[in-house]
Amino acid sequence: MLDRLKGYCDTLLMKNITVSIDEELHRRARIRAAERDKSLSAVVKEFLIEFAGGETDFERRKRLQQETLASIRSFRAGNRLNREKAHDRHALR
């Protein structure tokens, strides 16, 4: 019975969406889903899980920032270049 209630609770947390597509696309999508032995809803759900499951640009940048900061072993403000060295064009060549 607990498993049945768990499924019931999971269903309550699901959101229904409406997608408008033309009849030909709907027919072809249903055929492709049937070829995979799945419902069209299951195929759309798999697509959305993959689509939304990836890292957002913000999350990726935040992760890269944390990795960069973690890779810095030591930093001392006194190790900065003076003005002449920072603007030395010959050193860049």
N, C-alpha and C. Protein backbone atom coordinates (compact mmCIF):
# COMPACT_ATOMS: atom_id res chain seq x y z
N MET A 1 0.82 -1.19 0.00
CA MET A 1 0.00 0.00 0.00
C MET A 1 0.87 1.26 0.00
N LEU A 2 1.99 1.21 0.67
CA LEU A 2 2.88 2.37 0.71
C LEU A 2 3.38 2.73 -0.68
N ASP A 3 3.69 1.70 -1.50
CA ASP A 3 4.10 1.96 -2.88
C ASP A 3 2.99 2.64 -3.67
N ARG A 4 1.76 2.22 -3.45
CA ARG A 4 0.63 2.82 -4.14
C ARG A 4 0.48 4.29 -3.74
N LEU A 5 0.65 4.58 -2.47
CA LEU A 5 0.55 5.97 -2.01
C LEU A 5 1.70 6.81 -2.55
N LYS A 6 2.87 6.21 -2.63
CA LYS A 6 4.02 6.94 -3.18
C LYS A 6 3.75 7.34 -4.62
N GLY A 7 3.23 6.43 -5.41
CA GLY A 7 2.87 6.75 -6.79
C GLY A 7 1.82 7.83 -6.86
N TYR A 8 0.87 7.77 -5.95
CA TYR A 8 -0.19 8.78 -5.90
C TYR A 8 0.39 10.14 -5.57
N CYS A 9 1.30 10.20 -4.60
CA CYS A 9 1.93 11.47 -4.23
C CYS A 9 2.79 12.01 -5.36
N ASP A 10 3.52 11.13 -6.04
CA ASP A 10 4.33 11.56 -7.17
C ASP A 10 3.47 12.17 -8.26
N THR A 11 2.29 11.57 -8.46
CA THR A 11 1.39 12.08 -9.49
C THR A 11 0.91 13.48 -9.12
N LEU A 12 0.68 13.73 -7.87
CA LEU A 12 0.22 15.05 -7.44
C LEU A 12 1.27 16.12 -7.71
N LEU A 13 2.53 15.76 -7.73
CA LEU A 13 3.59 16.72 -7.94
C LEU A 13 3.87 16.98 -9.41
N MET A 14 3.23 16.23 -10.30
CA MET A 14 3.45 16.40 -11.73
C MET A 14 2.67 17.59 -12.25
N LYS A 15 3.20 18.23 -13.27
CA LYS A 15 2.53 19.34 -13.94
C LYS A 15 2.11 18.89 -15.33
N ASN A 16 0.93 19.26 -15.72
CA ASN A 16 0.46 18.99 -17.08
C ASN A 16 0.75 20.22 -17.93
N ILE A 17 1.16 19.98 -19.19
CA ILE A 17 1.39 21.07 -20.11
C ILE A 17 0.59 20.82 -21.38
N THR A 18 0.32 21.88 -22.09
CA THR A 18 -0.38 21.77 -23.37
C THR A 18 0.55 22.29 -24.45
N VAL A 19 0.73 21.51 -25.49
CA VAL A 19 1.57 21.90 -26.61
C VAL A 19 0.71 21.85 -27.86
N SER A 20 0.73 22.92 -28.63
CA SER A 20 -0.05 22.95 -29.88
C SER A 20 0.86 22.63 -31.05
N ILE A 21 0.52 21.57 -31.77
CA ILE A 21 1.29 21.17 -32.95
C ILE A 21 0.29 20.81 -34.05
N ASP A 22 0.75 20.83 -35.29
CA ASP A 22 -0.15 20.48 -36.38
C ASP A 22 -0.38 18.97 -36.43
N GLU A 23 -1.42 18.58 -37.13
CA GLU A 23 -1.83 17.17 -37.16
C GLU A 23 -0.75 16.25 -37.72
N GLU A 24 -0.07 16.68 -38.77
CA GLU A 24 0.94 15.83 -39.38
C GLU A 24 2.10 15.57 -38.42
N LEU A 25 2.54 16.61 -37.74
CA LEU A 25 3.61 16.44 -36.75
C LEU A 25 3.16 15.50 -35.64
N HIS A 26 1.93 15.66 -35.18
CA HIS A 26 1.39 14.80 -34.13
C HIS A 26 1.36 13.34 -34.59
N ARG A 27 0.89 13.11 -35.81
CA ARG A 27 0.82 11.76 -36.35
C ARG A 27 2.20 11.12 -36.44
N ARG A 28 3.17 11.88 -36.99
CA ARG A 28 4.53 11.35 -37.14
C ARG A 28 5.19 11.10 -35.79
N ALA A 29 4.95 11.99 -34.84
CA ALA A 29 5.54 11.83 -33.50
C ALA A 29 4.96 10.61 -32.80
N ARG A 30 3.66 10.39 -32.93
CA ARG A 30 3.03 9.21 -32.33
C ARG A 30 3.59 7.93 -32.94
N ILE A 31 3.81 7.93 -34.25
CA ILE A 31 4.38 6.75 -34.91
C ILE A 31 5.79 6.49 -34.39
N ARG A 32 6.62 7.53 -34.31
CA ARG A 32 8.00 7.36 -33.81
C ARG A 32 8.00 6.87 -32.36
N ALA A 33 7.10 7.42 -31.55
CA ALA A 33 7.02 6.98 -30.15
C ALA A 33 6.60 5.52 -30.09
N ALA A 34 5.63 5.12 -30.91
CA ALA A 34 5.17 3.73 -30.93
C ALA A 34 6.28 2.79 -31.36
N GLU A 35 7.11 3.25 -32.30
CA GLU A 35 8.25 2.42 -32.74
C GLU A 35 9.21 2.16 -31.59
N ARG A 36 9.26 3.07 -30.67
CA ARG A 36 10.12 2.90 -29.48
C ARG A 36 9.37 2.26 -28.32
N ASP A 37 8.13 1.85 -28.59
CA ASP A 37 7.27 1.23 -27.57
C ASP A 37 7.04 2.18 -26.39
N LYS A 38 6.80 3.47 -26.72
CA LYS A 38 6.56 4.49 -25.70
C LYS A 38 5.38 5.35 -26.12
N SER A 39 4.82 6.03 -25.14
CA SER A 39 3.77 7.00 -25.45
C SER A 39 4.43 8.30 -25.88
N LEU A 40 3.66 9.13 -26.55
CA LEU A 40 4.18 10.44 -26.95
C LEU A 40 4.50 11.27 -25.71
N SER A 41 3.69 11.16 -24.68
CA SER A 41 3.96 11.88 -23.43
C SER A 41 5.29 11.46 -22.82
N ALA A 42 5.58 10.16 -22.86
CA ALA A 42 6.85 9.66 -22.31
C ALA A 42 8.04 10.21 -23.10
N VAL A 43 7.90 10.29 -24.42
CA VAL A 43 8.98 10.81 -25.26
C VAL A 43 9.21 12.30 -24.96
N VAL A 44 8.12 13.05 -24.85
CA VAL A 44 8.23 14.48 -24.55
C VAL A 44 8.85 14.67 -23.16
N LYS A 45 8.44 13.86 -22.21
CA LYS A 45 9.00 13.95 -20.85
C LYS A 45 10.50 13.67 -20.86
N GLU A 46 10.93 12.64 -21.59
CA GLU A 46 12.37 12.34 -21.69
C GLU A 46 13.13 13.52 -22.29
N PHE A 47 12.55 14.11 -23.34
CA PHE A 47 13.19 15.26 -23.97
C PHE A 47 13.33 16.40 -22.98
N LEU A 48 12.27 16.71 -22.24
CA LEU A 48 12.31 17.83 -21.30
C LEU A 48 13.27 17.57 -20.14
N ILE A 49 13.36 16.33 -19.72
CA ILE A 49 14.32 15.99 -18.65
C ILE A 49 15.74 16.26 -19.13
N GLU A 50 16.04 15.84 -20.34
CA GLU A 50 17.38 16.08 -20.89
C GLU A 50 17.61 17.57 -21.14
N PHE A 51 16.60 18.23 -21.69
CA PHE A 51 16.68 19.64 -22.03
C PHE A 51 16.90 20.50 -20.79
N ALA A 52 16.12 20.26 -19.75
CA ALA A 52 16.18 21.08 -18.55
C ALA A 52 17.19 20.55 -17.54
N GLY A 53 17.62 19.31 -17.70
CA GLY A 53 18.50 18.70 -16.71
C GLY A 53 19.94 19.17 -16.81
N GLY A 54 20.31 19.77 -17.90
CA GLY A 54 21.68 20.24 -18.07
C GLY A 54 21.98 21.45 -17.20
N GLU A 55 23.20 21.78 -17.16
CA GLU A 55 23.68 22.92 -16.38
C GLU A 55 23.30 24.22 -17.09
N THR A 56 22.73 25.17 -16.36
CA THR A 56 22.45 26.47 -16.96
C THR A 56 23.76 27.23 -17.13
N ASP A 57 23.73 28.28 -17.92
CA ASP A 57 24.92 29.09 -18.13
C ASP A 57 25.41 29.68 -16.80
N PHE A 58 24.47 30.14 -15.97
CA PHE A 58 24.84 30.68 -14.67
C PHE A 58 25.51 29.62 -13.80
N GLU A 59 24.91 28.42 -13.76
CA GLU A 59 25.48 27.33 -12.96
C GLU A 59 26.88 26.95 -13.45
N ARG A 60 27.05 26.91 -14.78
CA ARG A 60 28.35 26.57 -15.35
C ARG A 60 29.39 27.62 -14.97
N ARG A 61 29.03 28.90 -15.08
CA ARG A 61 29.97 29.97 -14.73
C ARG A 61 30.30 29.96 -13.23
N LYS A 62 29.31 29.70 -12.41
CA LYS A 62 29.53 29.63 -10.96
C LYS A 62 30.48 28.48 -10.64
N ARG A 63 30.26 27.32 -11.29
CA ARG A 63 31.15 26.17 -11.07
C ARG A 63 32.56 26.49 -11.51
N LEU A 64 32.73 27.11 -12.68
CA LEU A 64 34.06 27.48 -13.17
C LEU A 64 34.74 28.47 -12.23
N GLN A 65 33.97 29.41 -11.69
CA GLN A 65 34.54 30.36 -10.74
C GLN A 65 35.04 29.64 -9.49
N GLN A 66 34.24 28.73 -8.98
CA GLN A 66 34.64 27.98 -7.78
C GLN A 66 35.87 27.12 -8.05
N GLU A 67 35.92 26.50 -9.23
CA GLU A 67 37.09 25.68 -9.59
C GLU A 67 38.33 26.55 -9.72
N THR A 68 38.19 27.71 -10.32
CA THR A 68 39.34 28.62 -10.48
C THR A 68 39.84 29.11 -9.13
N LEU A 69 38.91 29.51 -8.28
CA LEU A 69 39.31 29.97 -6.95
C LEU A 69 39.96 28.85 -6.14
N ALA A 70 39.45 27.64 -6.29
CA ALA A 70 40.02 26.51 -5.56
C ALA A 70 41.41 26.15 -6.08
N SER A 71 41.70 26.47 -7.34
CA SER A 71 43.00 26.12 -7.92
C SER A 71 44.11 27.10 -7.53
N ILE A 72 43.74 28.24 -6.99
CA ILE A 72 44.74 29.24 -6.58
C ILE A 72 45.32 28.80 -5.24
N ARG A 73 46.58 28.44 -5.26
CA ARG A 73 47.22 27.92 -4.05
C ARG A 73 47.59 29.03 -3.07
N SER A 74 48.21 30.06 -3.58
CA SER A 74 48.58 31.17 -2.70
C SER A 74 48.53 32.45 -3.50
N PHE A 75 48.17 33.50 -2.82
CA PHE A 75 48.09 34.80 -3.47
C PHE A 75 48.51 35.86 -2.46
N ARG A 76 49.42 36.72 -2.90
CA ARG A 76 49.84 37.83 -2.04
C ARG A 76 49.73 39.10 -2.87
N ALA A 77 49.10 40.08 -2.31
CA ALA A 77 48.93 41.36 -3.02
C ALA A 77 50.28 42.00 -3.31
N GLY A 78 51.30 41.69 -2.52
CA GLY A 78 52.62 42.26 -2.72
C GLY A 78 53.33 41.73 -3.96
N ASN A 79 52.82 40.67 -4.58
CA ASN A 79 53.45 40.08 -5.76
C ASN A 79 53.01 40.76 -7.06
N ARG A 80 52.35 41.88 -6.97
CA ARG A 80 51.87 42.55 -8.19
C ARG A 80 53.02 43.21 -8.94
N LEU A 81 52.79 43.37 -10.25
CA LEU A 81 53.77 44.05 -11.09
C LEU A 81 53.69 45.55 -10.85
N ASN A 82 54.86 46.20 -10.98
CA ASN A 82 54.81 47.66 -10.89
C ASN A 82 54.33 48.21 -12.23
N ARG A 83 54.09 49.50 -12.33
CA ARG A 83 53.52 50.11 -13.52
C ARG A 83 54.39 49.88 -14.76
N GLU A 84 55.69 50.01 -14.64
CA GLU A 84 56.58 49.85 -15.78
C GLU A 84 56.52 48.42 -16.34
N LYS A 85 56.56 47.43 -15.47
CA LYS A 85 56.51 46.04 -15.92
C LYS A 85 55.15 45.68 -16.51
N ALA A 86 54.08 46.22 -15.95
CA ALA A 86 52.74 45.91 -16.43
C ALA A 86 52.52 46.47 -17.84
N HIS A 87 53.19 47.59 -18.16
CA HIS A 87 53.00 48.25 -19.45
C HIS A 87 54.17 48.06 -20.40
N ASP A 88 55.06 47.12 -20.08
CA ASP A 88 56.22 46.86 -20.92
C ASP A 88 55.79 46.08 -22.15
N ARG A 89 55.73 46.75 -23.29
CA ARG A 89 55.27 46.12 -24.54
C ARG A 89 56.29 45.12 -25.09
N HIS A 90 57.56 45.34 -24.85
CA HIS A 90 58.60 44.44 -25.35
C HIS A 90 58.54 43.07 -24.67
N ALA A 91 58.10 43.03 -23.44
CA ALA A 91 58.03 41.77 -22.71
C ALA A 91 56.91 40.88 -23.25
N LEU A 92 55.92 41.48 -23.93
CA LEU A 92 54.81 40.72 -24.47
C LEU A 92 55.14 40.04 -25.78
N ARG A 93 56.22 40.43 -26.41
CA ARG A 93 56.55 39.87 -27.74
C ARG A 93 57.41 38.64 -27.63
